C-alpha atoms as a PDB file:
ATOM      1  CA  UNK A   1       8.360  -0.895   4.040  1.00  0.00           C
ATOM      2  CA  UNK A   2       9.893   2.272   2.576  1.00  0.00           C
ATOM      3  CA  UNK A   3       6.483   3.996   2.586  1.00  0.00           C
ATOM      4  CA  UNK A   4       5.983   3.028   6.199  1.00  0.00           C
ATOM      5  CA  UNK A   5       9.413   4.382   7.099  1.00  0.00           C
ATOM      6  CA  UNK A   6       8.649   7.624   5.281  1.00  0.00           C
ATOM      7  CA  UNK A   7       5.305   7.836   7.057  1.00  0.00           C
ATOM      8  CA  UNK A   8       7.028   7.441  10.407  1.00  0.00           C
ATOM      9  CA  UNK A   9       9.624  10.074   9.602  1.00  0.00           C
ATOM     10  CA  UNK A  10       7.020  12.511   8.354  1.00  0.00           C
ATOM     11  CA  UNK A  11       4.786  11.913  11.349  1.00  0.00           C
ATOM     12  CA  UNK A  12       7.716  12.554  13.629  1.00  0.00           C
ATOM     13  CA  UNK A  13       8.640  15.655  11.698  1.00  0.00           C
ATOM     14  CA  UNK A  14       5.098  16.914  12.202  1.00  0.00           C
ATOM     15  CA  UNK A  15       5.834  16.917  15.893  1.00  0.00           C
ATOM     16  CA  UNK A  16       8.650  19.361  15.352  1.00  0.00           C
ATOM     17  CA  UNK A  17      10.889  17.710  17.852  1.00  0.00           C
ATOM     18  CA  UNK A  18      14.659  17.552  18.053  1.00  0.00           C
ATOM     19  CA  UNK A  19      14.267  14.768  20.561  1.00  0.00           C
ATOM     20  CA  UNK A  20      16.072  11.532  20.034  1.00  0.00           C
ATOM     21  CA  UNK A  21      13.098   9.430  21.036  1.00  0.00           C
ATOM     22  CA  UNK A  22       9.313   9.782  20.937  1.00  0.00           C
ATOM     23  CA  UNK A  23       8.893  10.181  24.691  1.00  0.00           C
ATOM     24  CA  UNK A  24      10.172  13.774  24.617  1.00  0.00           C
ATOM     25  CA  UNK A  25       8.015  15.046  21.751  1.00  0.00           C
ATOM     26  CA  UNK A  26       5.385  17.692  22.308  1.00  0.00           C
ATOM     27  CA  UNK A  27       2.899  18.558  19.571  1.00  0.00           C
ATOM     28  CA  UNK A  28       2.120  22.244  18.946  1.00  0.00           C
ATOM     29  CA  UNK A  29      -0.128  24.092  16.510  1.00  0.00           C
ATOM     30  CA  UNK A  30       2.935  25.811  15.113  1.00  0.00           C
ATOM     31  CA  UNK A  31       4.517  22.479  14.199  1.00  0.00           C
ATOM     32  CA  UNK A  32       1.341  21.360  12.454  1.00  0.00           C
ATOM     33  CA  UNK A  33       1.185  24.563  10.407  1.00  0.00           C
ATOM     34  CA  UNK A  34       4.899  24.446   9.598  1.00  0.00           C
ATOM     35  CA  UNK A  35       4.713  20.961   8.207  1.00  0.00           C
ATOM     36  CA  UNK A  36       1.576  21.635   6.173  1.00  0.00           C
ATOM     37  CA  UNK A  37       3.214  24.667   4.632  1.00  0.00           C
ATOM     38  CA  UNK A  38       6.418  22.787   3.846  1.00  0.00           C
ATOM     39  CA  UNK A  39       4.525  20.094   1.937  1.00  0.00           C
ATOM     40  CA  UNK A  40       2.902  22.595  -0.465  1.00  0.00           C
ATOM     41  CA  UNK A  41      -0.185  20.422  -0.831  1.00  0.00           C
ATOM     42  CA  UNK A  42      -2.209  20.465  -4.016  1.00  0.00           C
ATOM     43  CA  UNK A  43      -5.966  21.072  -3.965  1.00  0.00           C
ATOM     44  CA  UNK A  44      -6.537  17.326  -4.376  1.00  0.00           C
ATOM     45  CA  UNK A  45      -4.180  16.514  -1.485  1.00  0.00           C
ATOM     46  CA  UNK A  46      -5.686  19.097   0.895  1.00  0.00           C
ATOM     47  CA  UNK A  47      -8.660  16.897   1.754  1.00  0.00           C
ATOM     48  CA  UNK A  48      -6.277  14.285   3.152  1.00  0.00           C
ATOM     49  CA  UNK A  49      -4.634  16.803   5.475  1.00  0.00           C
ATOM     50  CA  UNK A  50      -7.656  17.339   7.772  1.00  0.00           C
ATOM     51  CA  UNK A  51      -7.503  13.890   9.454  1.00  0.00           C
ATOM     52  CA  UNK A  52      -3.784  14.318  10.108  1.00  0.00           C
ATOM     53  CA  UNK A  53      -4.233  17.750  11.667  1.00  0.00           C
ATOM     54  CA  UNK A  54      -7.191  16.529  13.742  1.00  0.00           C
ATOM     55  CA  UNK A  55      -5.171  13.583  15.056  1.00  0.00           C
ATOM     56  CA  UNK A  56      -2.233  15.829  15.944  1.00  0.00           C
ATOM     57  CA  UNK A  57      -4.507  18.339  17.696  1.00  0.00           C
ATOM     58  CA  UNK A  58      -6.128  15.533  19.669  1.00  0.00           C
ATOM     59  CA  UNK A  59      -2.699  14.303  20.756  1.00  0.00           C
ATOM     60  CA  UNK A  60      -1.718  17.865  21.723  1.00  0.00           C
ATOM     61  CA  UNK A  61      -4.861  18.181  23.882  1.00  0.00           C
ATOM     62  CA  UNK A  62      -4.085  14.867  25.573  1.00  0.00           C
ATOM     63  CA  UNK A  63      -0.520  15.964  26.227  1.00  0.00           C
ATOM     64  CA  UNK A  64      -1.697  19.211  27.788  1.00  0.00           C
ATOM     65  CA  UNK A  65      -4.346  17.483  29.909  1.00  0.00           C
ATOM     66  CA  UNK A  66      -2.116  14.672  31.102  1.00  0.00           C
ATOM     67  CA  UNK A  67       1.236  16.453  31.084  1.00  0.00           C
ATOM     68  CA  UNK A  68       2.249  13.397  29.113  1.00  0.00           C
ATOM     69  CA  UNK A  69       4.802  12.966  26.412  1.00  0.00           C
ATOM     70  CA  UNK A  70       4.125  11.456  23.010  1.00  0.00           C
ATOM     71  CA  UNK A  71       3.659   7.705  23.156  1.00  0.00           C
ATOM     72  CA  UNK A  72       4.230   5.007  20.580  1.00  0.00           C
ATOM     73  CA  UNK A  73       0.479   4.543  20.239  1.00  0.00           C
ATOM     74  CA  UNK A  74       0.092   8.259  19.474  1.00  0.00           C
ATOM     75  CA  UNK A  75       2.686   7.984  16.735  1.00  0.00           C
ATOM     76  CA  UNK A  76       0.902   4.976  15.266  1.00  0.00           C
ATOM     77  CA  UNK A  77      -2.335   7.005  15.200  1.00  0.00           C
ATOM     78  CA  UNK A  78      -0.585   9.797  13.298  1.00  0.00           C
ATOM     79  CA  UNK A  79       0.916   7.360  10.808  1.00  0.00           C
ATOM     80  CA  UNK A  80      -2.474   5.706  10.254  1.00  0.00           C
ATOM     81  CA  UNK A  81      -4.138   9.088   9.687  1.00  0.00           C
ATOM     82  CA  UNK A  82      -1.358  10.197   7.357  1.00  0.00           C
ATOM     83  CA  UNK A  83      -1.070   7.166   5.084  1.00  0.00           C
ATOM     84  CA  UNK A  84      -3.777   8.288   2.601  1.00  0.00           C
ATOM     85  CA  UNK A  85      -1.910  11.556   2.072  1.00  0.00           C
ATOM     86  CA  UNK A  86       1.519   9.920   1.906  1.00  0.00           C
ATOM     87  CA  UNK A  87       0.300   7.772  -0.974  1.00  0.00           C
ATOM     88  CA  UNK A  88      -0.528  10.937  -2.905  1.00  0.00           C
ATOM     89  CA  UNK A  89       2.643  12.946  -2.317  1.00  0.00           C
ATOM     90  CA  UNK A  90       4.838  13.485  -5.351  1.00  0.00           C
ATOM     91  CA  UNK A  91       8.573  12.857  -5.313  1.00  0.00           C
ATOM     92  CA  UNK A  92       9.432  16.462  -4.446  1.00  0.00           C
ATOM     93  CA  UNK A  93       6.958  16.523  -1.558  1.00  0.00           C
ATOM     94  CA  UNK A  94       8.384  13.281  -0.187  1.00  0.00           C
ATOM     95  CA  UNK A  95      11.874  14.703  -0.484  1.00  0.00           C
ATOM     96  CA  UNK A  96      10.764  17.851   1.341  1.00  0.00           C
ATOM     97  CA  UNK A  97       9.164  15.772   4.093  1.00  0.00           C
ATOM     98  CA  UNK A  98      12.364  13.796   4.590  1.00  0.00           C
ATOM     99  CA  UNK A  99      14.463  16.971   4.564  1.00  0.00           C
ATOM    100  CA  UNK A 100      12.212  18.461   7.240  1.00  0.00           C
ATOM    101  CA  UNK A 101      12.466  15.268   9.290  1.00  0.00           C
ATOM    102  CA  UNK A 102      16.268  15.366   9.041  1.00  0.00           C
ATOM    103  CA  UNK A 103      16.407  19.052   9.959  1.00  0.00           C
ATOM    104  CA  UNK A 104      14.331  18.334  13.048  1.00  0.00           C
ATOM    105  CA  UNK A 105      16.611  15.478  14.028  1.00  0.00           C
ATOM    106  CA  UNK A 106      13.954  12.786  13.867  1.00  0.00           C
ATOM    107  CA  UNK A 107      14.619  10.910  10.632  1.00  0.00           C
ATOM    108  CA  UNK A 108      16.555   8.210  12.485  1.00  0.00           C
ATOM    109  CA  UNK A 109      13.328   7.126  14.159  1.00  0.00           C
ATOM    110  CA  UNK A 110      11.645   6.275  10.853  1.00  0.00           C
ATOM    111  CA  UNK A 111      12.882   2.694  10.999  1.00  0.00           C
ATOM    112  CA  UNK A 112      10.806   2.131  14.134  1.00  0.00           C
ATOM    113  CA  UNK A 113       7.663   2.389  12.056  1.00  0.00           C
END
């Protein structure tokens, strides 16, 4: 359960939102790059980043095309894409991910996942 909560918080942090609920989140390329940089991925972890970035970019395209906000199903897709990487993050990377989530005001949503 804790891993799933972390995954939700990190996925939300990837969105770069200060929104209090998922409906207001908008995914941008800048948010994706910011989160990747903050994680300081190792060479072994890098290969697990591509599916996460691809999922986020797909969501961003859908948002732009539909003028839609981020849905619960979009968040679940991000979490599913991110789980292989989350399993490989070290303690410091997990701490950094949670700190980023808190700074973006989205860590309280982690329990929803």
